[in-house]
PDB file of all heavy atoms in Angstrom:
ATOM      1  N   PHE A   1       0.831  -1.221  -0.009  1.00  0.00           N
ATOM      2  CA  PHE A   1       0.028   0.019  -0.002  1.00  0.00           C
ATOM      3  C   PHE A   1       0.832   1.267   0.059  1.00  0.00           C
ATOM      4  O   PHE A   1       0.335   2.349   0.007  1.00  0.00           O
ATOM      5  CB  PHE A   1      -0.934  -0.003   1.214  1.00  0.00           C
ATOM      6  CG  PHE A   1      -1.991  -1.111   1.167  1.00  0.00           C
ATOM      7  CD1 PHE A   1      -1.799  -2.159   2.070  1.00  0.00           C
ATOM      8  CD2 PHE A   1      -3.089  -1.039   0.299  1.00  0.00           C
ATOM      9  CE1 PHE A   1      -2.750  -3.192   2.028  1.00  0.00           C
ATOM     10  CE2 PHE A   1      -3.932  -2.032   0.364  1.00  0.00           C
ATOM     11  CZ  PHE A   1      -3.829  -3.116   1.237  1.00  0.00           C
ATOM     12  N   HIS A   2       2.101   1.134   0.080  1.00  0.00           N
ATOM     13  CA  HIS A   2       3.051   2.314   0.181  1.00  0.00           C
ATOM     14  C   HIS A   2       3.022   3.278  -1.010  1.00  0.00           C
ATOM     15  O   HIS A   2       3.199   4.449  -0.943  1.00  0.00           O
ATOM     16  CB  HIS A   2       4.442   1.957   0.425  1.00  0.00           C
ATOM     17  CG  HIS A   2       4.750   1.232   1.809  1.00  0.00           C
ATOM     18  ND1 HIS A   2       5.938   1.010   2.256  1.00  0.00           N
ATOM     19  CD2 HIS A   2       3.892   1.012   2.740  1.00  0.00           C
ATOM     20  CE1 HIS A   2       5.891   0.608   3.498  1.00  0.00           C
ATOM     21  NE2 HIS A   2       4.565   0.432   3.765  1.00  0.00           N
ATOM     22  N   ASP A   3       2.680   2.716  -2.175  1.00  0.00           N
ATOM     23  CA  ASP A   3       2.551   3.508  -3.448  1.00  0.00           C
ATOM     24  C   ASP A   3       1.196   3.708  -3.836  1.00  0.00           C
ATOM     25  O   ASP A   3       0.885   4.264  -4.919  1.00  0.00           O
ATOM     26  CB  ASP A   3       3.361   2.918  -4.577  1.00  0.00           C
ATOM     27  CG  ASP A   3       4.831   2.848  -4.258  1.00  0.00           C
ATOM     28  OD1 ASP A   3       5.396   3.939  -3.902  1.00  0.00           O
ATOM     29  OD2 ASP A   3       5.492   1.854  -4.280  1.00  0.00           O
ATOM     30  N   SER A   4       0.150   3.396  -2.931  1.00  0.00           N
ATOM     31  CA  SER A   4      -1.224   3.655  -3.256  1.00  0.00           C
ATOM     32  C   SER A   4      -1.709   5.069  -3.102  1.00  0.00           C
ATOM     33  O   SER A   4      -0.922   5.941  -2.534  1.00  0.00           O
ATOM     34  CB  SER A   4      -2.135   2.836  -2.264  1.00  0.00           C
ATOM     35  OG  SER A   4      -1.902   1.434  -2.395  1.00  0.00           O
ATOM     36  N   MET A   5      -2.872   5.366  -3.640  1.00  0.00           N
ATOM     37  CA  MET A   5      -3.515   6.676  -3.350  1.00  0.00           C
ATOM     38  C   MET A   5      -4.245   6.563  -2.089  1.00  0.00           C
ATOM     39  O   MET A   5      -4.751   5.531  -1.677  1.00  0.00           O
ATOM     40  CB  MET A   5      -4.513   7.055  -4.495  1.00  0.00           C
ATOM     41  CG  MET A   5      -3.883   7.292  -5.830  1.00  0.00           C
ATOM     42  SD  MET A   5      -2.637   8.591  -5.892  1.00  0.00           S
ATOM     43  CE  MET A   5      -3.690  10.057  -5.783  1.00  0.00           C
ATOM     44  N   MET A   6      -4.303   7.777  -1.299  1.00  0.00           N
ATOM     45  CA  MET A   6      -4.964   7.701  -0.023  1.00  0.00           C
ATOM     46  C   MET A   6      -6.521   7.280  -0.165  1.00  0.00           C
ATOM     47  O   MET A   6      -7.041   6.684   0.762  1.00  0.00           O
ATOM     48  CB  MET A   6      -4.859   9.193   0.557  1.00  0.00           C
ATOM     49  CG  MET A   6      -3.481   9.507   1.161  1.00  0.00           C
ATOM     50  SD  MET A   6      -3.010   8.486   2.622  1.00  0.00           S
ATOM     51  CE  MET A   6      -3.958   9.334   3.942  1.00  0.00           C
ATOM     52  N   ALA A   7      -7.021   7.701  -1.287  1.00  0.00           N
ATOM     53  CA  ALA A   7      -8.544   7.527  -1.494  1.00  0.00           C
ATOM     54  C   ALA A   7      -8.730   5.879  -1.465  1.00  0.00           C
ATOM     55  O   ALA A   7      -9.906   5.506  -1.266  1.00  0.00           O
ATOM     56  CB  ALA A   7      -9.000   8.064  -2.788  1.00  0.00           C
ATOM     57  N   ASP A   8      -7.753   5.101  -1.872  1.00  0.00           N
ATOM     58  CA  ASP A   8      -7.906   3.663  -2.016  1.00  0.00           C
ATOM     59  C   ASP A   8      -7.654   2.968  -0.602  1.00  0.00           C
ATOM     60  O   ASP A   8      -7.895   1.711  -0.588  1.00  0.00           O
ATOM     61  CB  ASP A   8      -6.876   3.154  -3.025  1.00  0.00           C
ATOM     62  CG  ASP A   8      -7.123   3.721  -4.323  1.00  0.00           C
ATOM     63  OD1 ASP A   8      -8.377   3.968  -4.633  1.00  0.00           O
ATOM     64  OD2 ASP A   8      -6.341   3.787  -5.068  1.00  0.00           O
ATOM     65  N   LEU A   9      -7.365   3.674   0.453  1.00  0.00           N
ATOM     66  CA  LEU A   9      -7.154   3.102   1.734  1.00  0.00           C
ATOM     67  C   LEU A   9      -8.335   3.043   2.581  1.00  0.00           C
ATOM     68  O   LEU A   9      -9.240   3.874   2.415  1.00  0.00           O
ATOM     69  CB  LEU A   9      -6.024   3.813   2.473  1.00  0.00           C
ATOM     70  CG  LEU A   9      -4.544   3.839   1.827  1.00  0.00           C
ATOM     71  CD1 LEU A   9      -3.686   4.520   2.952  1.00  0.00           C
ATOM     72  CD2 LEU A   9      -4.106   2.470   1.295  1.00  0.00           C
ATOM     73  N   ASP A  10      -8.501   2.068   3.521  1.00  0.00           N
ATOM     74  CA  ASP A  10      -9.572   2.041   4.472  1.00  0.00           C
ATOM     75  C   ASP A  10      -9.193   3.020   5.590  1.00  0.00           C
ATOM     76  O   ASP A  10      -8.028   3.503   5.694  1.00  0.00           O
ATOM     77  CB  ASP A  10     -10.012   0.683   4.912  1.00  0.00           C
ATOM     78  CG  ASP A  10      -8.935  -0.052   5.702  1.00  0.00           C
ATOM     79  OD1 ASP A  10      -8.101   0.646   6.415  1.00  0.00           O
ATOM     80  OD2 ASP A  10      -8.785  -1.308   5.675  1.00  0.00           O
ATOM     81  N   GLU A  11     -10.179   3.117   6.410  1.00  0.00           N
ATOM     82  CA  GLU A  11     -10.099   4.069   7.556  1.00  0.00           C
ATOM     83  C   GLU A  11      -8.844   3.792   8.511  1.00  0.00           C
ATOM     84  O   GLU A  11      -8.067   4.714   8.895  1.00  0.00           O
ATOM     85  CB  GLU A  11     -11.328   3.897   8.465  1.00  0.00           C
ATOM     86  CG  GLU A  11     -11.553   5.200   9.413  1.00  0.00           C
ATOM     87  CD  GLU A  11     -12.205   6.361   8.669  1.00  0.00           C
ATOM     88  OE1 GLU A  11     -12.358   6.366   7.374  1.00  0.00           O
ATOM     89  OE2 GLU A  11     -12.474   7.294   9.360  1.00  0.00           O
ATOM     90  N   SER A  12      -8.614   2.617   8.833  1.00  0.00           N
ATOM     91  CA  SER A  12      -7.521   2.170   9.801  1.00  0.00           C
ATOM     92  C   SER A  12      -6.137   2.327   9.023  1.00  0.00           C
ATOM     93  O   SER A  12      -5.219   2.727   9.723  1.00  0.00           O
ATOM     94  CB  SER A  12      -7.685   0.739  10.269  1.00  0.00           C
ATOM     95  OG  SER A  12      -6.770  -0.145   9.725  1.00  0.00           O
ATOM     96  N   GLN A  13      -6.159   2.246   7.728  1.00  0.00           N
ATOM     97  CA  GLN A  13      -4.772   2.394   7.052  1.00  0.00           C
ATOM     98  C   GLN A  13      -4.548   3.856   7.008  1.00  0.00           C
ATOM     99  O   GLN A  13      -3.381   4.324   7.077  1.00  0.00           O
ATOM    100  CB  GLN A  13      -4.962   1.822   5.637  1.00  0.00           C
ATOM    101  CG  GLN A  13      -4.991   0.321   5.714  1.00  0.00           C
ATOM    102  CD  GLN A  13      -5.226  -0.223   4.250  1.00  0.00           C
ATOM    103  OE1 GLN A  13      -6.151   0.303   3.491  1.00  0.00           O
ATOM    104  NE2 GLN A  13      -4.690  -1.382   3.842  1.00  0.00           N
ATOM    105  N   LYS A  14      -5.613   4.677   6.776  1.00  0.00           N
ATOM    106  CA  LYS A  14      -5.366   6.107   6.628  1.00  0.00           C
ATOM    107  C   LYS A  14      -4.891   6.691   7.997  1.00  0.00           C
ATOM    108  O   LYS A  14      -3.980   7.595   8.055  1.00  0.00           O
ATOM    109  CB  LYS A  14      -6.738   6.847   6.371  1.00  0.00           C
ATOM    110  CG  LYS A  14      -7.112   6.762   4.913  1.00  0.00           C
ATOM    111  CD  LYS A  14      -8.398   7.408   4.582  1.00  0.00           C
ATOM    112  CE  LYS A  14      -8.792   7.374   3.148  1.00  0.00           C
ATOM    113  NZ  LYS A  14     -10.084   8.085   2.884  1.00  0.00           N
ATOM    114  N   VAL A  15      -5.342   6.162   9.119  1.00  0.00           N
ATOM    115  CA  VAL A  15      -4.915   6.654  10.543  1.00  0.00           C
ATOM    116  C   VAL A  15      -3.469   6.524  10.599  1.00  0.00           C
ATOM    117  O   VAL A  15      -2.648   7.201  11.084  1.00  0.00           O
ATOM    118  CB  VAL A  15      -5.651   5.710  11.550  1.00  0.00           C
ATOM    119  CG1 VAL A  15      -4.960   5.861  12.933  1.00  0.00           C
ATOM    120  CG2 VAL A  15      -7.133   6.187  11.702  1.00  0.00           C
ATOM    121  N   ARG A  16      -2.914   5.315  10.041  1.00  0.00           N
ATOM    122  CA  ARG A  16      -1.487   4.944  10.207  1.00  0.00           C
ATOM    123  C   ARG A  16      -0.691   5.874   9.335  1.00  0.00           C
ATOM    124  O   ARG A  16       0.460   6.379   9.744  1.00  0.00           O
ATOM    125  CB  ARG A  16      -1.183   3.459   9.693  1.00  0.00           C
ATOM    126  CG  ARG A  16      -1.749   2.481  10.609  1.00  0.00           C
ATOM    127  CD  ARG A  16      -1.890   1.146   9.954  1.00  0.00           C
ATOM    128  NE  ARG A  16      -1.868   0.103  10.986  1.00  0.00           N
ATOM    129  CZ  ARG A  16      -2.958  -0.396  11.752  1.00  0.00           C
ATOM    130  NH1 ARG A  16      -4.025   0.397  11.686  1.00  0.00           N
ATOM    131  NH2 ARG A  16      -2.851  -1.338  12.569  1.00  0.00           N
ATOM    132  N   VAL A  17      -1.234   6.323   8.113  1.00  0.00           N
ATOM    133  CA  VAL A  17      -0.421   7.220   7.244  1.00  0.00           C
ATOM    134  C   VAL A  17      -0.340   8.616   7.926  1.00  0.00           C
ATOM    135  O   VAL A  17       0.674   9.224   7.928  1.00  0.00           O
ATOM    136  CB  VAL A  17      -1.099   7.293   5.775  1.00  0.00           C
ATOM    137  CG1 VAL A  17      -0.369   8.425   4.970  1.00  0.00           C
ATOM    138  CG2 VAL A  17      -1.131   5.931   5.169  1.00  0.00           C
ATOM    139  N   LEU A  18      -1.526   9.069   8.583  1.00  0.00           N
ATOM    140  CA  LEU A  18      -1.604  10.419   9.209  1.00  0.00           C
ATOM    141  C   LEU A  18      -0.699  10.442  10.362  1.00  0.00           C
ATOM    142  O   LEU A  18      -0.186  11.490  10.623  1.00  0.00           O
ATOM    143  CB  LEU A  18      -2.979  10.764   9.496  1.00  0.00           C
ATOM    144  CG  LEU A  18      -3.900  10.974   8.367  1.00  0.00           C
ATOM    145  CD1 LEU A  18      -5.271  11.342   8.695  1.00  0.00           C
ATOM    146  CD2 LEU A  18      -3.428  12.191   7.442  1.00  0.00           C
ATOM    147  N   LEU A  19      -0.561   9.268  11.107  1.00  0.00           N
ATOM    148  CA  LEU A  19       0.418   9.215  12.275  1.00  0.00           C
ATOM    149  C   LEU A  19       1.859   9.311  11.707  1.00  0.00           C
ATOM    150  O   LEU A  19       2.669  10.005  12.262  1.00  0.00           O
ATOM    151  CB  LEU A  19       0.111   7.840  12.926  1.00  0.00           C
ATOM    152  CG  LEU A  19       0.676   7.753  14.367  1.00  0.00           C
ATOM    153  CD1 LEU A  19       0.434   8.991  15.186  1.00  0.00           C
ATOM    154  CD2 LEU A  19       0.115   6.532  14.924  1.00  0.00           C
ATOM    155  N   ALA A  20       2.189   8.692  10.544  1.00  0.00           N
ATOM    156  CA  ALA A  20       3.543   8.737   9.970  1.00  0.00           C
ATOM    157  C   ALA A  20       3.756  10.128   9.561  1.00  0.00           C
ATOM    158  O   ALA A  20       4.937  10.689   9.719  1.00  0.00           O
ATOM    159  CB  ALA A  20       3.643   7.777   8.794  1.00  0.00           C
ATOM    160  N   GLN A  21       2.701  10.837   9.065  1.00  0.00           N
ATOM    161  CA  GLN A  21       2.902  12.240   8.529  1.00  0.00           C
ATOM    162  C   GLN A  21       3.318  13.114   9.742  1.00  0.00           C
ATOM    163  O   GLN A  21       4.198  13.938   9.620  1.00  0.00           O
ATOM    164  CB  GLN A  21       1.669  12.732   8.053  1.00  0.00           C
ATOM    165  CG  GLN A  21       1.678  14.140   7.452  1.00  0.00           C
ATOM    166  CD  GLN A  21       0.207  14.711   7.249  1.00  0.00           C
ATOM    167  OE1 GLN A  21      -0.526  14.798   8.187  1.00  0.00           O
ATOM    168  NE2 GLN A  21      -0.051  14.989   5.942  1.00  0.00           N
ATOM    169  N   ALA A  22       2.662  12.919  10.924  1.00  0.00           N
ATOM    170  CA  ALA A  22       2.854  13.815  12.102  1.00  0.00           C
ATOM    171  C   ALA A  22       4.290  13.647  12.635  1.00  0.00           C
ATOM    172  O   ALA A  22       4.903  14.502  12.984  1.00  0.00           O
ATOM    173  CB  ALA A  22       1.909  13.431  13.213  1.00  0.00           C
ATOM    174  N   ILE A  23       4.809  12.354  12.568  1.00  0.00           N
ATOM    175  CA  ILE A  23       6.072  12.058  13.204  1.00  0.00           C
ATOM    176  C   ILE A  23       7.239  12.338  12.285  1.00  0.00           C
ATOM    177  O   ILE A  23       8.473  12.286  12.587  1.00  0.00           O
ATOM    178  CB  ILE A  23       6.150  10.733  13.943  1.00  0.00           C
ATOM    179  CG1 ILE A  23       6.014   9.555  13.006  1.00  0.00           C
ATOM    180  CG2 ILE A  23       5.114  10.623  15.022  1.00  0.00           C
ATOM    181  CD1 ILE A  23       6.034   8.223  13.534  1.00  0.00           C
ATOM    182  N   PHE A  24       6.982  12.333  11.032  1.00  0.00           N
ATOM    183  CA  PHE A  24       8.029  12.325   9.951  1.00  0.00           C
ATOM    184  C   PHE A  24       8.828  13.813  10.033  1.00  0.00           C
ATOM    185  O   PHE A  24       8.243  14.832  10.266  1.00  0.00           O
ATOM    186  CB  PHE A  24       7.476  12.288   8.516  1.00  0.00           C
ATOM    187  CG  PHE A  24       8.443  12.518   7.493  1.00  0.00           C
ATOM    188  CD1 PHE A  24       9.436  11.618   7.246  1.00  0.00           C
ATOM    189  CD2 PHE A  24       8.272  13.560   6.524  1.00  0.00           C
ATOM    190  CE1 PHE A  24      10.441  11.789   6.305  1.00  0.00           C
ATOM    191  CE2 PHE A  24       9.273  13.708   5.539  1.00  0.00           C
ATOM    192  CZ  PHE A  24      10.335  12.828   5.502  1.00  0.00           C
ATOM    193  N   GLY A  25      10.137  13.639   9.837  1.00  0.00           N
ATOM    194  CA  GLY A  25      10.935  14.839   9.758  1.00  0.00           C
ATOM    195  C   GLY A  25      11.412  15.506  11.069  1.00  0.00           C
ATOM    196  O   GLY A  25      11.733  16.600  11.098  1.00  0.00           O
ATOM    197  N   ASN A  26      11.234  14.651  12.130  1.00  0.00           N
ATOM    198  CA  ASN A  26      11.770  15.193  13.460  1.00  0.00           C
ATOM    199  C   ASN A  26      11.292  16.532  13.866  1.00  0.00           C
ATOM    200  O   ASN A  26      12.106  17.493  14.081  1.00  0.00           O
ATOM    201  CB  ASN A  26      13.272  15.185  13.459  1.00  0.00           C
ATOM    202  CG  ASN A  26      13.843  15.109  14.842  1.00  0.00           C
ATOM    203  OD1 ASN A  26      13.289  14.568  15.730  1.00  0.00           O
ATOM    204  ND2 ASN A  26      14.932  15.828  15.057  1.00  0.00           N
ATOM    205  N   PRO A  27       9.963  16.733  13.999  1.00  0.00           N
ATOM    206  CA  PRO A  27       9.428  18.013  14.464  1.00  0.00           C
ATOM    207  C   PRO A  27       9.956  18.436  15.825  1.00  0.00           C
ATOM    208  O   PRO A  27      10.171  17.568  16.823  1.00  0.00           O
ATOM    209  CB  PRO A  27       7.917  17.852  14.412  1.00  0.00           C
ATOM    210  CG  PRO A  27       7.706  16.409  14.630  1.00  0.00           C
ATOM    211  CD  PRO A  27       8.900  15.811  13.934  1.00  0.00           C
ATOM    212  N   ASP A  28       9.917  19.708  16.075  1.00  0.00           N
ATOM    213  CA  ASP A  28      10.378  20.196  17.500  1.00  0.00           C
ATOM    214  C   ASP A  28       9.406  19.952  18.479  1.00  0.00           C
ATOM    215  O   ASP A  28       9.683  19.728  19.683  1.00  0.00           O
ATOM    216  CB  ASP A  28      10.800  21.676  17.368  1.00  0.00           C
ATOM    217  CG  ASP A  28      11.909  21.954  16.330  1.00  0.00           C
ATOM    218  OD1 ASP A  28      13.013  21.551  16.616  1.00  0.00           O
ATOM    219  OD2 ASP A  28      11.593  22.493  15.280  1.00  0.00           O
ATOM    220  N   VAL A  29       8.081  20.135  18.081  1.00  0.00           N
ATOM    221  CA  VAL A  29       6.969  19.857  18.996  1.00  0.00           C
ATOM    222  C   VAL A  29       5.966  19.020  18.204  1.00  0.00           C
ATOM    223  O   VAL A  29       5.514  19.266  17.145  1.00  0.00           O
ATOM    224  CB  VAL A  29       6.245  21.261  19.414  1.00  0.00           C
ATOM    225  CG1 VAL A  29       5.081  20.940  20.309  1.00  0.00           C
ATOM    226  CG2 VAL A  29       7.212  22.144  20.124  1.00  0.00           C
ATOM    227  N   LEU A  30       5.607  17.903  18.847  1.00  0.00           N
ATOM    228  CA  LEU A  30       4.670  16.973  18.256  1.00  0.00           C
ATOM    229  C   LEU A  30       3.387  16.812  19.074  1.00  0.00           C
ATOM    230  O   LEU A  30       3.459  16.605  20.291  1.00  0.00           O
ATOM    231  CB  LEU A  30       5.330  15.588  18.211  1.00  0.00           C
ATOM    232  CG  LEU A  30       4.592  14.346  17.625  1.00  0.00           C
ATOM    233  CD1 LEU A  30       4.098  14.585  16.281  1.00  0.00           C
ATOM    234  CD2 LEU A  30       5.541  13.163  17.709  1.00  0.00           C
ATOM    235  N   ILE A  31       2.222  17.048  18.509  1.00  0.00           N
ATOM    236  CA  ILE A  31       0.967  17.103  19.180  1.00  0.00           C
ATOM    237  C   ILE A  31       0.161  15.833  18.676  1.00  0.00           C
ATOM    238  O   ILE A  31      -0.200  15.817  17.468  1.00  0.00           O
ATOM    239  CB  ILE A  31       0.289  18.414  18.981  1.00  0.00           C
ATOM    240  CG1 ILE A  31       0.954  19.533  19.748  1.00  0.00           C
ATOM    241  CG2 ILE A  31      -1.172  18.306  19.565  1.00  0.00           C
ATOM    242  CD1 ILE A  31       0.309  20.840  19.916  1.00  0.00           C
ATOM    243  N   LEU A  32      -0.276  15.015  19.575  1.00  0.00           N
ATOM    244  CA  LEU A  32      -0.947  13.770  19.204  1.00  0.00           C
ATOM    245  C   LEU A  32      -2.159  13.668  20.115  1.00  0.00           C
ATOM    246  O   LEU A  32      -2.141  13.525  21.340  1.00  0.00           O
ATOM    247  CB  LEU A  32      -0.111  12.550  19.437  1.00  0.00           C
ATOM    248  CG  LEU A  32       1.298  12.499  18.794  1.00  0.00           C
ATOM    249  CD1 LEU A  32       2.061  11.232  19.210  1.00  0.00           C
ATOM    250  CD2 LEU A  32       1.181  12.412  17.201  1.00  0.00           C
ATOM    251  N   ASP A  33      -3.345  13.692  19.296  1.00  0.00           N
ATOM    252  CA  ASP A  33      -4.665  13.473  20.051  1.00  0.00           C
ATOM    253  C   ASP A  33      -5.074  12.009  19.784  1.00  0.00           C
ATOM    254  O   ASP A  33      -5.449  11.678  18.696  1.00  0.00           O
ATOM    255  CB  ASP A  33      -5.680  14.493  19.489  1.00  0.00           C
ATOM    256  CG  ASP A  33      -6.831  14.563  20.486  1.00  0.00           C
ATOM    257  OD1 ASP A  33      -6.979  13.741  21.390  1.00  0.00           O
ATOM    258  OD2 ASP A  33      -7.817  15.369  20.004  1.00  0.00           O
ATOM    259  N   GLU A  34      -5.096  11.206  20.809  1.00  0.00           N
ATOM    260  CA  GLU A  34      -5.564   9.747  20.768  1.00  0.00           C
ATOM    261  C   GLU A  34      -4.839   9.052  19.611  1.00  0.00           C
ATOM    262  O   GLU A  34      -5.387   8.427  18.679  1.00  0.00           O
ATOM    263  CB  GLU A  34      -6.998   9.698  20.523  1.00  0.00           C
ATOM    264  CG  GLU A  34      -7.913  10.243  21.653  1.00  0.00           C
ATOM    265  CD  GLU A  34      -7.850   9.434  22.898  1.00  0.00           C
ATOM    266  OE1 GLU A  34      -7.246   8.353  22.906  1.00  0.00           O
ATOM    267  OE2 GLU A  34      -8.509   9.893  23.957  1.00  0.00           O
ATOM    268  N   PRO A  35      -3.429   9.040  19.711  1.00  0.00           N
ATOM    269  CA  PRO A  35      -2.738   8.323  18.551  1.00  0.00           C
ATOM    270  C   PRO A  35      -2.764   6.861  18.556  1.00  0.00           C
ATOM    271  O   PRO A  35      -2.526   6.287  17.448  1.00  0.00           O
ATOM    272  CB  PRO A  35      -1.274   8.769  18.972  1.00  0.00           C
ATOM    273  CG  PRO A  35      -1.160   8.944  20.276  1.00  0.00           C
ATOM    274  CD  PRO A  35      -2.540   9.556  20.659  1.00  0.00           C
ATOM    275  N   THR A  36      -3.215   6.231  19.505  1.00  0.00           N
ATOM    276  CA  THR A  36      -3.312   4.728  19.476  1.00  0.00           C
ATOM    277  C   THR A  36      -4.673   4.292  18.913  1.00  0.00           C
ATOM    278  O   THR A  36      -4.864   2.935  18.851  1.00  0.00           O
ATOM    279  CB  THR A  36      -3.033   4.099  20.881  1.00  0.00           C
ATOM    280  OG1 THR A  36      -3.958   4.607  21.937  1.00  0.00           O
ATOM    281  CG2 THR A  36      -1.567   4.453  21.343  1.00  0.00           C
ATOM    282  N   ASN A  37      -5.602   5.097  18.788  1.00  0.00           N
ATOM    283  CA  ASN A  37      -6.962   4.670  18.297  1.00  0.00           C
ATOM    284  C   ASN A  37      -6.777   3.953  16.974  1.00  0.00           C
ATOM    285  O   ASN A  37      -6.239   4.477  16.037  1.00  0.00           O
ATOM    286  CB  ASN A  37      -7.861   5.848  18.087  1.00  0.00           C
ATOM    287  CG  ASN A  37      -8.550   6.293  19.466  1.00  0.00           C
ATOM    288  OD1 ASN A  37      -8.271   5.792  20.458  1.00  0.00           O
ATOM    289  ND2 ASN A  37      -9.384   7.329  19.320  1.00  0.00           N
ATOM    290  N   GLY A  38      -7.345   2.760  16.856  1.00  0.00           N
ATOM    291  CA  GLY A  38      -7.313   2.007  15.582  1.00  0.00           C
ATOM    292  C   GLY A  38      -5.955   1.280  15.227  1.00  0.00           C
ATOM    293  O   GLY A  38      -5.811   0.751  14.238  1.00  0.00           O
ATOM    294  N   LEU A  39      -5.030   1.342  16.136  1.00  0.00           N
ATOM    295  CA  LEU A  39      -3.804   0.625  15.997  1.00  0.00           C
ATOM    296  C   LEU A  39      -3.815  -0.750  16.640  1.00  0.00           C
ATOM    297  O   LEU A  39      -4.430  -0.889  17.676  1.00  0.00           O
ATOM    298  CB  LEU A  39      -2.606   1.429  16.572  1.00  0.00           C
ATOM    299  CG  LEU A  39      -2.278   2.768  15.925  1.00  0.00           C
ATOM    300  CD1 LEU A  39      -1.053   3.335  16.486  1.00  0.00           C
ATOM    301  CD2 LEU A  39      -2.153   2.818  14.373  1.00  0.00           C
ATOM    302  N   ASP A  40      -3.157  -1.774  16.119  1.00  0.00           N
ATOM    303  CA  ASP A  40      -3.008  -3.039  16.830  1.00  0.00           C
ATOM    304  C   ASP A  40      -1.791  -2.949  17.765  1.00  0.00           C
ATOM    305  O   ASP A  40      -1.023  -1.982  17.841  1.00  0.00           O
ATOM    306  CB  ASP A  40      -2.742  -4.137  15.765  1.00  0.00           C
ATOM    307  CG  ASP A  40      -1.643  -3.879  14.773  1.00  0.00           C
ATOM    308  OD1 ASP A  40      -0.743  -3.153  15.204  1.00  0.00           O
ATOM    309  OD2 ASP A  40      -1.645  -4.465  13.667  1.00  0.00           O
ATOM    310  N   ILE A  41      -1.591  -4.030  18.511  1.00  0.00           N
ATOM    311  CA  ILE A  41      -0.535  -4.009  19.551  1.00  0.00           C
ATOM    312  C   ILE A  41       0.768  -3.853  19.067  1.00  0.00           C
ATOM    313  O   ILE A  41       1.603  -3.041  19.501  1.00  0.00           O
ATOM    314  CB  ILE A  41      -0.715  -5.345  20.335  1.00  0.00           C
ATOM    315  CG1 ILE A  41      -1.888  -5.599  21.068  1.00  0.00           C
ATOM    316  CG2 ILE A  41       0.577  -5.534  21.317  1.00  0.00           C
ATOM    317  CD1 ILE A  41      -2.131  -4.590  22.272  1.00  0.00           C
ATOM    318  N   GLU A  42       1.193  -4.422  17.857  1.00  0.00           N
ATOM    319  CA  GLU A  42       2.452  -4.238  17.242  1.00  0.00           C
ATOM    320  C   GLU A  42       2.707  -2.812  16.910  1.00  0.00           C
ATOM    321  O   GLU A  42       3.859  -2.311  17.102  1.00  0.00           O
ATOM    322  CB  GLU A  42       2.677  -5.207  16.095  1.00  0.00           C
ATOM    323  CG  GLU A  42       2.724  -6.666  16.296  1.00  0.00           C
ATOM    324  CD  GLU A  42       1.335  -7.310  16.423  1.00  0.00           C
ATOM    325  OE1 GLU A  42       0.329  -6.574  16.222  1.00  0.00           O
ATOM    326  OE2 GLU A  42       1.323  -8.564  16.755  1.00  0.00           O
TER     327      GLU A  42
END
């Protein structure tokens, strides 16, 4: 799914991409509201 379009992903996959977006590039301040929602244990 790494080369897919966002429109082709389901809800739980989109959550993962948006989480990667937030943490990418080593931000100085990272704000996360309920980041574990929809994630599995791994």
